[in-house]
């Protein structure tokens, strides 16, 4: 990465018939944050091109294709046994909601100490080849599933409230 150029990632959020693109990056203090405007509102864009142009204007380098997060998937009931792919998706949403809350100085139940055990269990269920170990299989209790479902619903509500949403084009998400 070049000096003074921040590596950013474009996130594409889907919700019902709407789409919102946002910029996510590592801040100088090594926390992951969303790009905000002068009034501390999340910068949201109708498409990848607009997000990419904004990144360029902010002296950010967009390094790869956007990550797509479908918030409608969070409405599906969770089962007692997750596949590693489901675990990865849930962990991604949890982490992004945490980053969004931190960016805006808000609270999020996923960051509360009581959620640490649940987060750790979810983390161990993920396929993380870079970590050098396979995913673990865990059976989730009803209470854990209920708590995780609540955290995911709160994450979806946080994104729904804090992003600006645009009608999805008929040809796709971008």
N, C-alpha and C. Protein backbone atom coordinates (compact mmCIF):
# COMPACT_ATOMS: atom_id res chain seq x y z
N UNK A 1 0.84 -1.18 0.00
CA UNK A 1 0.00 0.00 0.00
C UNK A 1 0.89 1.24 0.00
N UNK A 2 0.49 2.26 -0.74
CA UNK A 2 1.26 3.49 -0.85
C UNK A 2 1.05 4.36 0.39
N UNK A 3 2.06 5.22 0.68
CA UNK A 3 1.94 6.14 1.81
C UNK A 3 0.73 7.04 1.63
N UNK A 4 0.06 7.32 2.73
CA UNK A 4 -1.10 8.21 2.78
C UNK A 4 -2.31 7.69 2.00
N UNK A 5 -2.24 6.52 1.45
CA UNK A 5 -3.37 5.93 0.76
C UNK A 5 -3.93 4.85 1.67
N UNK A 6 -5.20 4.95 1.96
CA UNK A 6 -5.87 3.99 2.84
C UNK A 6 -6.52 2.91 1.97
N UNK A 7 -6.31 1.67 2.34
CA UNK A 7 -6.96 0.57 1.64
C UNK A 7 -8.38 0.44 2.17
N UNK A 8 -9.35 0.56 1.27
CA UNK A 8 -10.76 0.49 1.66
C UNK A 8 -11.43 -0.70 0.97
N UNK A 9 -12.51 -1.12 1.54
CA UNK A 9 -13.32 -2.20 0.98
C UNK A 9 -14.72 -1.66 0.75
N UNK A 10 -15.29 -2.01 -0.38
CA UNK A 10 -16.66 -1.61 -0.67
C UNK A 10 -17.58 -2.72 -0.19
N UNK A 11 -18.55 -2.34 0.62
CA UNK A 11 -19.54 -3.28 1.13
C UNK A 11 -20.87 -2.98 0.44
N UNK A 12 -21.51 -4.00 -0.05
CA UNK A 12 -22.82 -3.87 -0.70
C UNK A 12 -23.85 -4.53 0.21
N UNK A 13 -24.73 -3.72 0.76
CA UNK A 13 -25.79 -4.21 1.64
C UNK A 13 -27.09 -4.31 0.85
N UNK A 14 -27.77 -5.44 0.98
CA UNK A 14 -29.06 -5.65 0.33
C UNK A 14 -30.13 -5.76 1.40
N UNK A 15 -31.28 -5.15 1.12
CA UNK A 15 -32.42 -5.23 2.05
C UNK A 15 -33.68 -5.06 1.22
N UNK A 16 -34.51 -6.09 1.22
CA UNK A 16 -35.75 -6.07 0.45
C UNK A 16 -35.44 -5.67 -0.99
N UNK A 17 -35.99 -4.57 -1.48
CA UNK A 17 -35.74 -4.14 -2.86
C UNK A 17 -34.71 -3.03 -2.93
N UNK A 18 -33.97 -2.84 -1.84
CA UNK A 18 -33.03 -1.72 -1.76
C UNK A 18 -31.58 -2.19 -1.67
N UNK A 19 -30.69 -1.27 -1.96
CA UNK A 19 -29.25 -1.53 -1.91
C UNK A 19 -28.56 -0.31 -1.32
N UNK A 20 -27.45 -0.54 -0.65
CA UNK A 20 -26.63 0.55 -0.13
C UNK A 20 -25.17 0.09 -0.14
N UNK A 21 -24.32 0.92 -0.71
CA UNK A 21 -22.89 0.64 -0.74
C UNK A 21 -22.21 1.54 0.27
N UNK A 22 -21.22 1.01 0.97
CA UNK A 22 -20.49 1.79 1.97
C UNK A 22 -19.01 1.46 1.87
N UNK A 23 -18.19 2.35 2.42
CA UNK A 23 -16.74 2.16 2.46
C UNK A 23 -16.32 1.77 3.87
N UNK A 24 -15.51 0.73 3.98
CA UNK A 24 -15.05 0.22 5.26
C UNK A 24 -13.54 0.11 5.18
N UNK A 25 -12.86 0.53 6.24
CA UNK A 25 -11.39 0.55 6.19
C UNK A 25 -10.81 0.49 7.60
N UNK A 26 -9.49 0.28 7.64
CA UNK A 26 -8.77 0.30 8.92
C UNK A 26 -8.27 1.71 9.17
N UNK A 27 -8.70 2.29 10.29
CA UNK A 27 -8.30 3.64 10.67
C UNK A 27 -6.85 3.63 11.18
N UNK A 28 -6.23 4.81 11.28
CA UNK A 28 -4.85 4.88 11.78
C UNK A 28 -4.66 4.25 13.16
N UNK A 29 -5.71 4.24 13.99
CA UNK A 29 -5.59 3.62 15.31
C UNK A 29 -5.83 2.11 15.26
N UNK A 30 -5.89 1.56 14.04
CA UNK A 30 -6.05 0.13 13.78
C UNK A 30 -7.42 -0.42 14.13
N UNK A 31 -8.42 0.45 14.23
CA UNK A 31 -9.80 -0.02 14.37
C UNK A 31 -10.43 -0.01 12.98
N UNK A 32 -11.34 -0.92 12.76
CA UNK A 32 -12.06 -0.96 11.49
C UNK A 32 -13.28 -0.06 11.60
N UNK A 33 -13.44 0.83 10.63
CA UNK A 33 -14.52 1.81 10.68
C UNK A 33 -15.14 1.98 9.30
N UNK A 34 -16.29 2.62 9.29
CA UNK A 34 -16.97 3.01 8.06
C UNK A 34 -16.64 4.46 7.77
N UNK A 35 -16.57 4.81 6.50
CA UNK A 35 -16.35 6.21 6.11
C UNK A 35 -17.60 7.01 6.45
N UNK A 36 -17.38 8.18 7.04
CA UNK A 36 -18.49 9.06 7.44
C UNK A 36 -18.30 10.44 6.81
N UNK A 37 -19.39 11.20 6.81
CA UNK A 37 -19.31 12.58 6.31
C UNK A 37 -19.00 13.52 7.48
N UNK A 38 -19.03 14.81 7.22
CA UNK A 38 -18.68 15.81 8.24
C UNK A 38 -19.66 15.82 9.41
N UNK A 39 -20.85 15.28 9.23
CA UNK A 39 -21.84 15.24 10.32
C UNK A 39 -21.87 13.88 11.01
N UNK A 40 -20.86 13.04 10.74
CA UNK A 40 -20.72 11.71 11.34
C UNK A 40 -21.82 10.74 10.90
N UNK A 41 -22.32 10.92 9.68
CA UNK A 41 -23.26 9.97 9.09
C UNK A 41 -22.49 9.05 8.14
N UNK A 42 -22.89 7.80 8.10
CA UNK A 42 -22.23 6.84 7.23
C UNK A 42 -22.40 7.26 5.77
N UNK A 43 -21.30 7.31 5.04
CA UNK A 43 -21.37 7.59 3.61
C UNK A 43 -21.98 6.38 2.92
N UNK A 44 -23.08 6.59 2.24
CA UNK A 44 -23.79 5.52 1.54
C UNK A 44 -23.94 5.91 0.07
N UNK A 45 -23.90 4.89 -0.79
CA UNK A 45 -23.90 5.15 -2.23
C UNK A 45 -24.87 4.20 -2.93
N UNK A 46 -25.38 4.63 -4.09
CA UNK A 46 -26.35 3.80 -4.81
C UNK A 46 -25.72 2.65 -5.60
N UNK A 47 -24.41 2.74 -5.86
CA UNK A 47 -23.77 1.69 -6.65
C UNK A 47 -22.26 1.67 -6.39
N UNK A 48 -21.63 0.64 -6.94
CA UNK A 48 -20.19 0.46 -6.76
C UNK A 48 -19.41 1.62 -7.36
N UNK A 49 -19.82 2.09 -8.52
CA UNK A 49 -19.09 3.17 -9.18
C UNK A 49 -19.06 4.43 -8.31
N UNK A 50 -20.18 4.77 -7.71
CA UNK A 50 -20.22 5.96 -6.84
C UNK A 50 -19.36 5.75 -5.60
N UNK A 51 -19.39 4.55 -5.04
CA UNK A 51 -18.56 4.26 -3.87
C UNK A 51 -17.08 4.31 -4.23
N UNK A 52 -16.74 3.77 -5.39
CA UNK A 52 -15.35 3.78 -5.84
C UNK A 52 -14.87 5.20 -6.10
N UNK A 53 -15.71 6.03 -6.71
CA UNK A 53 -15.35 7.43 -6.96
C UNK A 53 -15.15 8.18 -5.64
N UNK A 54 -16.01 7.93 -4.67
CA UNK A 54 -15.85 8.57 -3.36
C UNK A 54 -14.56 8.12 -2.70
N UNK A 55 -14.25 6.83 -2.81
CA UNK A 55 -13.00 6.31 -2.24
C UNK A 55 -11.80 7.03 -2.84
N UNK A 56 -11.81 7.21 -4.14
CA UNK A 56 -10.73 7.92 -4.82
C UNK A 56 -10.62 9.34 -4.29
N UNK A 57 -11.75 10.02 -4.13
CA UNK A 57 -11.76 11.38 -3.60
C UNK A 57 -11.25 11.47 -2.18
N UNK A 58 -11.42 10.40 -1.43
CA UNK A 58 -10.95 10.34 -0.04
C UNK A 58 -9.53 9.78 0.05
N UNK A 59 -8.87 9.63 -1.07
CA UNK A 59 -7.53 9.05 -1.16
C UNK A 59 -7.49 7.64 -0.60
N UNK A 60 -8.50 6.87 -0.96
CA UNK A 60 -8.57 5.47 -0.57
C UNK A 60 -8.38 4.62 -1.82
N UNK A 61 -7.73 3.49 -1.64
CA UNK A 61 -7.52 2.52 -2.70
C UNK A 61 -8.47 1.36 -2.45
N UNK A 62 -9.34 1.06 -3.41
CA UNK A 62 -10.26 -0.06 -3.29
C UNK A 62 -9.56 -1.28 -3.85
N UNK A 63 -9.35 -2.28 -2.99
CA UNK A 63 -8.46 -3.37 -3.36
C UNK A 63 -9.11 -4.58 -4.01
N UNK A 64 -10.42 -4.76 -3.87
CA UNK A 64 -11.03 -5.96 -4.42
C UNK A 64 -12.51 -5.73 -4.66
N UNK A 65 -13.16 -6.77 -5.16
CA UNK A 65 -14.61 -6.68 -5.40
C UNK A 65 -15.34 -6.45 -4.09
N UNK A 66 -16.53 -5.90 -4.22
CA UNK A 66 -17.29 -5.63 -3.00
C UNK A 66 -17.74 -6.91 -2.32
N UNK A 67 -17.93 -6.81 -1.03
CA UNK A 67 -18.50 -7.88 -0.23
C UNK A 67 -20.00 -7.63 -0.16
N UNK A 68 -20.81 -8.63 -0.46
CA UNK A 68 -22.26 -8.48 -0.45
C UNK A 68 -22.81 -9.06 0.85
N UNK A 69 -23.60 -8.26 1.55
CA UNK A 69 -24.25 -8.67 2.79
C UNK A 69 -25.75 -8.53 2.58
N UNK A 70 -26.44 -9.66 2.55
CA UNK A 70 -27.90 -9.66 2.36
C UNK A 70 -28.56 -9.70 3.73
N UNK A 71 -29.09 -8.55 4.15
CA UNK A 71 -29.70 -8.46 5.47
C UNK A 71 -30.99 -9.27 5.56
N UNK A 72 -31.63 -9.56 4.44
CA UNK A 72 -32.84 -10.38 4.46
C UNK A 72 -32.54 -11.80 4.93
N UNK A 73 -31.31 -12.26 4.72
CA UNK A 73 -30.93 -13.60 5.19
C UNK A 73 -31.00 -13.71 6.70
N UNK A 74 -30.94 -12.59 7.40
CA UNK A 74 -30.98 -12.63 8.86
C UNK A 74 -32.37 -12.93 9.39
N UNK A 75 -33.37 -12.89 8.52
CA UNK A 75 -34.74 -13.21 8.95
C UNK A 75 -35.00 -14.70 9.00
N UNK A 76 -34.14 -15.48 8.36
CA UNK A 76 -34.31 -16.94 8.36
C UNK A 76 -34.01 -17.49 9.75
N UNK A 77 -34.80 -18.46 10.19
CA UNK A 77 -34.53 -19.05 11.51
C UNK A 77 -33.18 -19.78 11.52
N UNK A 78 -32.50 -19.71 12.64
CA UNK A 78 -31.23 -20.41 12.81
C UNK A 78 -31.49 -21.81 13.34
N UNK A 79 -30.69 -22.76 12.89
CA UNK A 79 -30.84 -24.13 13.35
C UNK A 79 -29.79 -24.43 14.43
N UNK A 80 -29.96 -25.53 15.17
CA UNK A 80 -29.00 -25.85 16.23
C UNK A 80 -27.60 -26.19 15.74
N UNK A 81 -27.43 -26.48 14.44
CA UNK A 81 -26.11 -26.81 13.92
C UNK A 81 -25.86 -25.97 12.66
N UNK A 82 -24.85 -25.11 12.71
CA UNK A 82 -24.54 -24.24 11.58
C UNK A 82 -23.44 -24.87 10.74
N UNK A 83 -23.52 -24.64 9.45
CA UNK A 83 -22.40 -25.00 8.58
C UNK A 83 -21.32 -23.95 8.78
N UNK A 84 -20.08 -24.26 8.42
CA UNK A 84 -19.03 -23.23 8.51
C UNK A 84 -19.37 -21.99 7.67
N UNK A 85 -20.01 -22.18 6.52
CA UNK A 85 -20.37 -21.02 5.67
C UNK A 85 -21.37 -20.11 6.39
N UNK A 86 -22.35 -20.68 7.05
CA UNK A 86 -23.32 -19.88 7.81
C UNK A 86 -22.61 -19.19 8.96
N UNK A 87 -21.73 -19.90 9.64
CA UNK A 87 -20.97 -19.30 10.74
C UNK A 87 -20.13 -18.13 10.25
N UNK A 88 -19.47 -18.30 9.09
CA UNK A 88 -18.66 -17.21 8.53
C UNK A 88 -19.53 -15.99 8.24
N UNK A 89 -20.70 -16.20 7.64
CA UNK A 89 -21.60 -15.09 7.30
C UNK A 89 -22.09 -14.38 8.55
N UNK A 90 -22.47 -15.14 9.57
CA UNK A 90 -22.95 -14.53 10.82
C UNK A 90 -21.83 -13.75 11.50
N UNK A 91 -20.63 -14.30 11.50
CA UNK A 91 -19.51 -13.62 12.13
C UNK A 91 -19.17 -12.32 11.39
N UNK A 92 -19.24 -12.35 10.07
CA UNK A 92 -19.00 -11.14 9.28
C UNK A 92 -20.00 -10.05 9.63
N UNK A 93 -21.27 -10.41 9.68
CA UNK A 93 -22.31 -9.42 10.02
C UNK A 93 -22.10 -8.91 11.43
N UNK A 94 -21.80 -9.78 12.37
CA UNK A 94 -21.56 -9.37 13.75
C UNK A 94 -20.42 -8.36 13.81
N UNK A 95 -19.30 -8.69 13.15
CA UNK A 95 -18.14 -7.79 13.18
C UNK A 95 -18.44 -6.45 12.51
N UNK A 96 -19.14 -6.48 11.38
CA UNK A 96 -19.46 -5.22 10.69
C UNK A 96 -20.41 -4.36 11.51
N UNK A 97 -21.37 -4.97 12.17
CA UNK A 97 -22.29 -4.21 13.03
C UNK A 97 -21.52 -3.60 14.20
N UNK A 98 -20.58 -4.35 14.74
CA UNK A 98 -19.73 -3.82 15.81
C UNK A 98 -18.93 -2.62 15.30
N UNK A 99 -18.36 -2.74 14.10
CA UNK A 99 -17.59 -1.64 13.52
C UNK A 99 -18.48 -0.42 13.25
N UNK A 100 -19.69 -0.66 12.77
CA UNK A 100 -20.61 0.45 12.51
C UNK A 100 -20.96 1.17 13.81
N UNK A 101 -21.26 0.40 14.85
CA UNK A 101 -21.59 1.00 16.15
C UNK A 101 -20.40 1.80 16.69
N UNK A 102 -19.20 1.25 16.58
CA UNK A 102 -18.01 1.97 17.05
C UNK A 102 -17.79 3.24 16.25
N UNK A 103 -17.98 3.17 14.93
CA UNK A 103 -17.81 4.34 14.07
C UNK A 103 -18.71 5.48 14.53
N UNK A 104 -19.95 5.14 14.90
CA UNK A 104 -20.93 6.16 15.26
C UNK A 104 -21.00 6.42 16.76
N UNK A 105 -20.17 5.73 17.54
CA UNK A 105 -20.19 5.92 18.99
C UNK A 105 -21.46 5.42 19.64
N UNK A 106 -22.01 4.33 19.10
CA UNK A 106 -23.25 3.76 19.61
C UNK A 106 -22.97 2.45 20.34
N UNK A 107 -23.96 1.99 21.06
CA UNK A 107 -23.83 0.68 21.70
C UNK A 107 -24.46 -0.38 20.79
N UNK A 108 -23.99 -1.60 20.95
CA UNK A 108 -24.47 -2.74 20.19
C UNK A 108 -24.34 -3.95 21.10
N UNK A 109 -25.39 -4.72 21.23
CA UNK A 109 -25.37 -5.83 22.19
C UNK A 109 -24.30 -6.86 21.85
N UNK A 110 -23.86 -6.93 20.61
CA UNK A 110 -22.81 -7.86 20.23
C UNK A 110 -21.47 -7.53 20.86
N UNK A 111 -21.31 -6.31 21.37
CA UNK A 111 -20.05 -5.93 22.00
C UNK A 111 -20.09 -6.07 23.52
N UNK A 112 -21.23 -6.43 24.06
CA UNK A 112 -21.33 -6.57 25.51
C UNK A 112 -20.59 -7.81 25.98
N UNK A 113 -20.05 -7.72 27.17
CA UNK A 113 -19.27 -8.81 27.74
C UNK A 113 -20.06 -10.12 27.78
N UNK A 114 -21.36 -10.04 27.99
CA UNK A 114 -22.18 -11.25 28.07
C UNK A 114 -22.23 -12.00 26.74
N UNK A 115 -21.88 -11.33 25.64
CA UNK A 115 -21.90 -11.98 24.32
C UNK A 115 -20.56 -12.62 23.97
N UNK A 116 -19.54 -12.43 24.78
CA UNK A 116 -18.20 -12.93 24.46
C UNK A 116 -18.16 -14.44 24.23
N UNK A 117 -18.81 -15.20 25.09
CA UNK A 117 -18.80 -16.66 24.97
C UNK A 117 -19.47 -17.09 23.68
N UNK A 118 -20.58 -16.45 23.36
CA UNK A 118 -21.30 -16.75 22.13
C UNK A 118 -20.45 -16.41 20.90
N UNK A 119 -19.78 -15.27 20.93
CA UNK A 119 -18.91 -14.85 19.83
C UNK A 119 -17.78 -15.87 19.65
N UNK A 120 -17.15 -16.27 20.75
CA UNK A 120 -16.05 -17.23 20.68
C UNK A 120 -16.50 -18.56 20.08
N UNK A 121 -17.68 -19.01 20.47
CA UNK A 121 -18.20 -20.27 19.94
C UNK A 121 -18.47 -20.14 18.44
N UNK A 122 -19.05 -19.03 18.03
CA UNK A 122 -19.30 -18.80 16.61
C UNK A 122 -17.99 -18.74 15.83
N UNK A 123 -17.00 -18.06 16.38
CA UNK A 123 -15.68 -17.94 15.75
C UNK A 123 -15.08 -19.32 15.52
N UNK A 124 -15.18 -20.20 16.50
CA UNK A 124 -14.59 -21.54 16.37
C UNK A 124 -15.32 -22.41 15.35
N UNK A 125 -16.54 -22.02 14.98
CA UNK A 125 -17.30 -22.77 13.97
C UNK A 125 -16.97 -22.35 12.54
N UNK A 126 -16.22 -21.29 12.39
CA UNK A 126 -15.90 -20.75 11.06
C UNK A 126 -14.75 -21.51 10.42
N UNK A 127 -14.72 -21.48 9.09
CA UNK A 127 -13.58 -22.00 8.35
C UNK A 127 -12.61 -20.85 8.15
N UNK A 128 -11.51 -20.91 8.85
CA UNK A 128 -10.51 -19.85 8.78
C UNK A 128 -9.16 -20.48 8.45
N UNK A 129 -8.91 -20.78 7.18
CA UNK A 129 -7.66 -21.46 6.81
C UNK A 129 -6.42 -20.70 7.26
N UNK A 130 -6.48 -19.39 7.27
CA UNK A 130 -5.32 -18.60 7.68
C UNK A 130 -4.98 -18.82 9.15
N UNK A 131 -5.96 -19.25 9.93
CA UNK A 131 -5.72 -19.48 11.35
C UNK A 131 -5.04 -20.84 11.59
N UNK A 132 -5.03 -21.70 10.56
CA UNK A 132 -4.30 -22.95 10.66
C UNK A 132 -5.02 -24.08 11.36
N UNK A 133 -6.32 -23.98 11.52
CA UNK A 133 -7.06 -25.09 12.11
C UNK A 133 -8.44 -25.18 11.47
N UNK A 134 -9.00 -26.39 11.45
CA UNK A 134 -10.32 -26.55 10.83
C UNK A 134 -11.43 -26.01 11.73
N UNK A 135 -12.59 -25.82 11.13
CA UNK A 135 -13.73 -25.37 11.93
C UNK A 135 -14.14 -26.49 12.88
N UNK A 136 -14.76 -26.09 13.98
CA UNK A 136 -15.26 -27.05 14.95
C UNK A 136 -16.77 -27.14 14.79
N UNK A 137 -17.31 -28.30 15.10
CA UNK A 137 -18.77 -28.46 15.07
C UNK A 137 -19.28 -28.26 16.49
N UNK A 138 -20.31 -27.45 16.59
CA UNK A 138 -20.93 -27.21 17.88
C UNK A 138 -22.43 -27.34 17.74
N UNK A 139 -23.05 -27.88 18.75
CA UNK A 139 -24.50 -27.88 18.82
C UNK A 139 -24.89 -26.68 19.66
N UNK A 140 -25.82 -25.91 19.17
CA UNK A 140 -26.22 -24.68 19.84
C UNK A 140 -27.50 -24.92 20.64
N UNK A 141 -27.53 -24.38 21.85
CA UNK A 141 -28.73 -24.51 22.68
C UNK A 141 -29.79 -23.52 22.19
N UNK A 142 -31.02 -23.74 22.61
CA UNK A 142 -32.10 -22.81 22.25
C UNK A 142 -31.80 -21.40 22.74
N UNK A 143 -31.24 -21.31 23.94
CA UNK A 143 -30.92 -20.00 24.51
C UNK A 143 -29.85 -19.29 23.68
N UNK A 144 -28.84 -20.04 23.26
CA UNK A 144 -27.78 -19.45 22.43
C UNK A 144 -28.32 -19.01 21.08
N UNK A 145 -29.17 -19.83 20.48
CA UNK A 145 -29.76 -19.47 19.19
C UNK A 145 -30.63 -18.23 19.35
N UNK A 146 -31.39 -18.16 20.43
CA UNK A 146 -32.23 -16.98 20.67
C UNK A 146 -31.37 -15.73 20.85
N UNK A 147 -30.28 -15.85 21.61
CA UNK A 147 -29.40 -14.71 21.83
C UNK A 147 -28.72 -14.29 20.53
N UNK A 148 -28.24 -15.26 19.76
CA UNK A 148 -27.59 -14.96 18.48
C UNK A 148 -28.60 -14.34 17.50
N UNK A 149 -29.81 -14.85 17.48
CA UNK A 149 -30.85 -14.28 16.63
C UNK A 149 -31.13 -12.83 17.00
N UNK A 150 -31.17 -12.55 18.29
CA UNK A 150 -31.39 -11.16 18.75
C UNK A 150 -30.25 -10.25 18.30
N UNK A 151 -29.02 -10.73 18.43
CA UNK A 151 -27.86 -9.94 18.01
C UNK A 151 -27.90 -9.68 16.51
N UNK A 152 -28.28 -10.68 15.72
CA UNK A 152 -28.36 -10.52 14.26
C UNK A 152 -29.49 -9.57 13.87
N UNK A 153 -30.64 -9.67 14.55
CA UNK A 153 -31.75 -8.74 14.27
C UNK A 153 -31.34 -7.31 14.60
N UNK A 154 -30.64 -7.14 15.71
CA UNK A 154 -30.16 -5.81 16.07
C UNK A 154 -29.17 -5.29 15.03
N UNK A 155 -28.31 -6.16 14.53
CA UNK A 155 -27.37 -5.77 13.48
C UNK A 155 -28.12 -5.31 12.23
N UNK A 156 -29.11 -6.09 11.81
CA UNK A 156 -29.89 -5.73 10.62
C UNK A 156 -30.59 -4.40 10.82
N UNK A 157 -31.14 -4.18 12.01
CA UNK A 157 -31.83 -2.91 12.30
C UNK A 157 -30.85 -1.74 12.30
N UNK A 158 -29.66 -1.97 12.80
CA UNK A 158 -28.64 -0.92 12.83
C UNK A 158 -28.25 -0.51 11.41
N UNK A 159 -28.02 -1.49 10.54
CA UNK A 159 -27.70 -1.17 9.14
C UNK A 159 -28.89 -0.51 8.45
N UNK A 160 -30.10 -1.01 8.71
CA UNK A 160 -31.29 -0.43 8.08
C UNK A 160 -31.46 1.03 8.46
N UNK A 161 -31.14 1.36 9.70
CA UNK A 161 -31.32 2.73 10.18
C UNK A 161 -30.19 3.66 9.76
N UNK A 162 -28.98 3.20 9.75
CA UNK A 162 -27.82 4.09 9.59
C UNK A 162 -27.29 4.22 8.16
N UNK A 163 -27.72 3.37 7.26
CA UNK A 163 -27.31 3.50 5.87
C UNK A 163 -28.42 4.22 5.09
N UNK A 164 -28.05 4.89 4.02
CA UNK A 164 -29.03 5.45 3.11
C UNK A 164 -29.32 4.37 2.07
N UNK A 165 -30.59 4.11 1.84
CA UNK A 165 -30.98 3.01 0.96
C UNK A 165 -31.47 3.54 -0.37
N UNK A 166 -31.14 2.82 -1.44
CA UNK A 166 -31.50 3.18 -2.80
C UNK A 166 -32.25 2.01 -3.42
N UNK A 167 -33.20 2.32 -4.29
CA UNK A 167 -33.94 1.27 -4.99
C UNK A 167 -32.95 0.47 -5.83
N UNK A 168 -33.04 -0.85 -5.74
CA UNK A 168 -32.15 -1.73 -6.51
C UNK A 168 -32.46 -1.64 -7.99
N UNK A 169 -31.44 -1.55 -8.82
CA UNK A 169 -31.69 -1.59 -10.26
C UNK A 169 -32.21 -2.96 -10.66
N UNK A 170 -32.99 -3.03 -11.70
CA UNK A 170 -33.57 -4.29 -12.13
C UNK A 170 -32.54 -5.29 -12.61
N UNK A 171 -31.39 -4.82 -13.08
CA UNK A 171 -30.38 -5.72 -13.65
C UNK A 171 -29.48 -6.37 -12.62
N UNK A 172 -29.58 -6.03 -11.35
CA UNK A 172 -28.72 -6.63 -10.33
C UNK A 172 -28.45 -5.66 -9.20
N UNK A 173 -27.38 -5.89 -8.47
CA UNK A 173 -27.09 -5.08 -7.29
C UNK A 173 -26.17 -3.93 -7.57
N UNK A 174 -25.46 -3.95 -8.69
CA UNK A 174 -24.49 -2.88 -8.94
C UNK A 174 -24.90 -1.96 -10.06
